[in-house]
Each structure stands twice: as structure tokens, then as C-alpha cells.
N, C-alpha and C. Protein backbone atom coordinates (compact mmCIF):
# COMPACT_ATOMS: atom_id res chain seq x y z
N ALA A 1 4.85 -50.12 51.42
CA ALA A 1 3.48 -50.37 50.96
C ALA A 1 3.50 -50.72 49.49
N ASP A 2 2.74 -51.70 49.11
CA ASP A 2 2.64 -52.11 47.72
C ASP A 2 1.63 -51.22 47.02
N VAL A 3 2.09 -50.49 46.01
CA VAL A 3 1.20 -49.59 45.29
C VAL A 3 0.61 -50.23 44.05
N GLY A 4 0.96 -51.49 43.80
CA GLY A 4 0.33 -52.22 42.72
C GLY A 4 0.95 -52.05 41.35
N ILE A 5 2.09 -51.39 41.25
CA ILE A 5 2.74 -51.21 39.96
C ILE A 5 3.80 -52.28 39.81
N LYS A 6 3.67 -53.08 38.78
CA LYS A 6 4.57 -54.22 38.59
C LYS A 6 5.23 -54.15 37.22
N VAL A 7 5.95 -53.08 36.94
CA VAL A 7 6.63 -52.91 35.67
C VAL A 7 8.12 -53.06 35.92
N THR A 8 8.74 -53.94 35.17
CA THR A 8 10.17 -54.17 35.34
C THR A 8 10.97 -53.18 34.49
N LEU A 9 12.22 -52.98 34.86
CA LEU A 9 13.09 -52.12 34.06
C LEU A 9 13.28 -52.71 32.66
N GLU A 10 13.30 -54.03 32.55
CA GLU A 10 13.40 -54.67 31.23
C GLU A 10 12.25 -54.24 30.33
N THR A 11 11.06 -54.16 30.89
CA THR A 11 9.89 -53.74 30.11
C THR A 11 10.03 -52.30 29.66
N LEU A 12 10.59 -51.44 30.52
CA LEU A 12 10.73 -50.02 30.17
C LEU A 12 11.68 -49.82 29.00
N LYS A 13 12.63 -50.74 28.79
CA LYS A 13 13.55 -50.64 27.65
C LYS A 13 12.82 -50.70 26.32
N GLU A 14 11.61 -51.25 26.33
CA GLU A 14 10.83 -51.41 25.11
C GLU A 14 10.12 -50.12 24.68
N ILE A 15 10.10 -49.12 25.52
CA ILE A 15 9.44 -47.86 25.18
C ILE A 15 10.28 -47.16 24.12
N THR A 16 9.67 -46.83 23.00
CA THR A 16 10.43 -46.22 21.91
C THR A 16 10.17 -44.72 21.75
N SER A 17 9.07 -44.24 22.29
CA SER A 17 8.78 -42.81 22.17
C SER A 17 9.55 -42.02 23.22
N THR A 18 9.80 -40.77 22.92
CA THR A 18 10.47 -39.89 23.86
C THR A 18 9.56 -39.64 25.06
N GLN A 19 10.13 -39.68 26.25
CA GLN A 19 9.35 -39.55 27.48
C GLN A 19 9.84 -38.35 28.30
N LEU A 20 8.92 -37.66 28.91
CA LEU A 20 9.24 -36.57 29.83
C LEU A 20 8.76 -36.99 31.21
N LEU A 21 9.69 -37.14 32.13
CA LEU A 21 9.38 -37.61 33.48
C LEU A 21 9.54 -36.46 34.47
N PHE A 22 8.56 -36.30 35.34
CA PHE A 22 8.63 -35.34 36.44
C PHE A 22 8.62 -36.13 37.73
N HIS A 23 9.41 -35.69 38.70
CA HIS A 23 9.44 -36.41 39.96
C HIS A 23 9.78 -35.45 41.10
N GLY A 24 9.08 -35.61 42.20
CA GLY A 24 9.40 -34.84 43.40
C GLY A 24 10.39 -35.61 44.26
N ASP A 25 11.40 -34.94 44.74
CA ASP A 25 12.42 -35.64 45.52
C ASP A 25 11.96 -36.02 46.93
N ARG A 26 10.76 -35.60 47.29
CA ARG A 26 10.19 -35.97 48.59
C ARG A 26 8.97 -36.87 48.42
N ASP A 27 8.90 -37.55 47.28
CA ASP A 27 7.78 -38.44 46.97
C ASP A 27 7.76 -39.60 47.96
N ALA A 28 6.70 -39.70 48.74
CA ALA A 28 6.59 -40.77 49.74
C ALA A 28 6.19 -42.11 49.12
N CYS A 29 5.65 -42.06 47.90
CA CYS A 29 5.22 -43.30 47.22
C CYS A 29 6.37 -43.95 46.46
N PHE A 30 7.16 -43.13 45.79
CA PHE A 30 8.25 -43.64 44.95
C PHE A 30 9.52 -42.85 45.24
N PRO A 31 10.52 -43.47 45.82
CA PRO A 31 11.78 -42.77 46.07
C PRO A 31 12.40 -42.29 44.74
N VAL A 32 13.19 -41.26 44.82
CA VAL A 32 13.75 -40.64 43.61
C VAL A 32 14.62 -41.62 42.81
N TYR A 33 15.19 -42.62 43.45
CA TYR A 33 16.01 -43.56 42.69
C TYR A 33 15.19 -44.31 41.64
N ILE A 34 13.89 -44.47 41.87
CA ILE A 34 13.04 -45.14 40.88
C ILE A 34 12.95 -44.29 39.61
N ALA A 35 12.75 -43.00 39.77
CA ALA A 35 12.71 -42.11 38.60
C ALA A 35 14.06 -42.08 37.89
N ALA A 36 15.14 -42.09 38.65
CA ALA A 36 16.47 -42.11 38.04
C ALA A 36 16.69 -43.39 37.26
N ASP A 37 16.27 -44.52 37.82
CA ASP A 37 16.37 -45.80 37.11
C ASP A 37 15.55 -45.78 35.82
N MET A 38 14.35 -45.19 35.91
CA MET A 38 13.51 -45.10 34.71
C MET A 38 14.18 -44.26 33.64
N LYS A 39 14.75 -43.14 34.02
CA LYS A 39 15.42 -42.26 33.07
C LYS A 39 16.59 -42.98 32.41
N MET A 40 17.34 -43.74 33.18
CA MET A 40 18.50 -44.44 32.63
C MET A 40 18.09 -45.64 31.79
N THR A 41 16.88 -46.16 31.98
CA THR A 41 16.44 -47.36 31.29
C THR A 41 15.66 -47.06 30.01
N ILE A 42 14.79 -46.08 30.05
CA ILE A 42 13.99 -45.72 28.87
C ILE A 42 14.93 -45.00 27.90
N PRO A 43 15.06 -45.51 26.68
CA PRO A 43 16.06 -44.98 25.75
C PRO A 43 16.00 -43.48 25.51
N ASN A 44 14.84 -42.90 25.39
CA ASN A 44 14.73 -41.47 25.07
C ASN A 44 13.95 -40.73 26.14
N ALA A 45 14.43 -40.81 27.37
CA ALA A 45 13.72 -40.18 28.48
C ALA A 45 14.46 -38.95 28.99
N GLU A 46 13.68 -37.97 29.38
CA GLU A 46 14.20 -36.79 30.08
C GLU A 46 13.57 -36.80 31.46
N LEU A 47 14.34 -36.42 32.47
CA LEU A 47 13.85 -36.41 33.85
C LEU A 47 14.09 -35.05 34.47
N SER A 48 13.06 -34.52 35.09
CA SER A 48 13.17 -33.30 35.89
C SER A 48 12.76 -33.64 37.31
N VAL A 49 13.68 -33.46 38.24
CA VAL A 49 13.41 -33.72 39.65
C VAL A 49 13.21 -32.38 40.33
N PHE A 50 12.08 -32.25 41.01
CA PHE A 50 11.73 -31.01 41.69
C PHE A 50 12.09 -31.13 43.17
N PRO A 51 12.91 -30.22 43.68
CA PRO A 51 13.33 -30.29 45.08
C PRO A 51 12.18 -29.97 46.04
N ASN A 52 12.22 -30.62 47.18
CA ASN A 52 11.24 -30.39 48.25
C ASN A 52 9.80 -30.54 47.76
N THR A 53 9.58 -31.51 46.87
CA THR A 53 8.27 -31.70 46.26
C THR A 53 7.82 -33.13 46.47
N GLN A 54 6.52 -33.28 46.72
CA GLN A 54 5.96 -34.59 46.98
C GLN A 54 5.51 -35.27 45.68
N HIS A 55 4.58 -36.21 45.79
CA HIS A 55 4.25 -37.13 44.71
C HIS A 55 3.71 -36.48 43.43
N ILE A 56 2.77 -35.60 43.52
CA ILE A 56 2.15 -35.05 42.31
C ILE A 56 2.76 -33.68 42.03
N VAL A 57 3.81 -33.69 41.24
CA VAL A 57 4.58 -32.47 40.95
C VAL A 57 3.67 -31.39 40.37
N MET A 58 2.75 -31.77 39.47
CA MET A 58 1.87 -30.80 38.82
C MET A 58 1.00 -30.05 39.81
N GLU A 59 0.72 -30.67 40.93
CA GLU A 59 -0.10 -30.03 41.96
C GLU A 59 0.65 -28.87 42.61
N PHE A 60 1.96 -29.01 42.73
CA PHE A 60 2.78 -28.01 43.40
C PHE A 60 3.32 -26.95 42.44
N TYR A 61 3.59 -27.34 41.19
CA TYR A 61 4.17 -26.43 40.20
C TYR A 61 3.44 -26.53 38.87
N PRO A 62 2.15 -26.22 38.82
CA PRO A 62 1.40 -26.41 37.57
C PRO A 62 1.92 -25.57 36.41
N GLU A 63 2.29 -24.33 36.68
CA GLU A 63 2.76 -23.46 35.60
C GLU A 63 4.09 -23.95 35.05
N ARG A 64 5.01 -24.32 35.94
CA ARG A 64 6.33 -24.78 35.49
C ARG A 64 6.22 -26.10 34.72
N VAL A 65 5.41 -27.01 35.19
CA VAL A 65 5.22 -28.28 34.49
C VAL A 65 4.61 -28.01 33.11
N ALA A 66 3.63 -27.13 33.03
CA ALA A 66 3.00 -26.80 31.74
C ALA A 66 4.03 -26.20 30.79
N GLU A 67 4.86 -25.28 31.27
CA GLU A 67 5.90 -24.68 30.43
C GLU A 67 6.86 -25.74 29.92
N MET A 68 7.28 -26.62 30.80
CA MET A 68 8.22 -27.67 30.42
C MET A 68 7.59 -28.63 29.41
N ALA A 69 6.32 -28.95 29.60
CA ALA A 69 5.63 -29.86 28.69
C ALA A 69 5.48 -29.22 27.30
N VAL A 70 5.09 -27.95 27.26
CA VAL A 70 4.96 -27.26 25.97
C VAL A 70 6.31 -27.23 25.27
N ASP A 71 7.37 -26.90 26.00
CA ASP A 71 8.71 -26.89 25.42
C ASP A 71 9.11 -28.27 24.90
N PHE A 72 8.85 -29.29 25.70
CA PHE A 72 9.17 -30.67 25.34
C PHE A 72 8.45 -31.08 24.06
N PHE A 73 7.13 -30.84 24.02
CA PHE A 73 6.36 -31.27 22.86
C PHE A 73 6.67 -30.44 21.62
N SER A 74 7.06 -29.19 21.80
CA SER A 74 7.40 -28.37 20.63
C SER A 74 8.68 -28.87 19.94
N LYS A 75 9.51 -29.62 20.66
CA LYS A 75 10.74 -30.16 20.09
C LYS A 75 10.53 -31.52 19.42
N GLN A 76 9.37 -32.11 19.60
CA GLN A 76 9.12 -33.45 19.05
C GLN A 76 8.83 -33.36 17.56
N LYS A 77 9.19 -34.39 16.85
CA LYS A 77 8.98 -34.42 15.39
C LYS A 77 7.65 -35.03 15.05
């Protein structure tokens, strides 16, 4: 199914800010390889893959995502 997102990996290379990516390994919309490709393409990206988790990771693990986000942002300059 076409979800309407048309961003190439070449475009992602242009992102200069540090990125925190969350992904569920059971995401029916985007297979985990897409998140892995994004992590490898965006120069300053971190990726956390949640096992047995579907598309909206925050829905399943709100506390853990919040903790990780606070930790991530506290390290930013």
C-alpha cells in the first residue's frame, strides 16, 4: 500500500540535526529495514527498535519513549 511518503535516502543525507528514531519491529506500515536505512543514511541518527511492537511505538511504551527522549535531549548542545 502506498502511504504517500516520497522521501529518498539522498534527501535524508541532508539532515544535519541529531535525530532520535523509534521503530517497532512489527510495524505493518514500514518494515524495519526502512528505519535501519534511515539510521545509516542520516548522519547523526540514533535508532531504537522495539521488539514485538507495531507502528506507533509511543502508544505501546509511552514511559520508555519519554525517558529515552529526555535522555536524548539532555545530551544535545
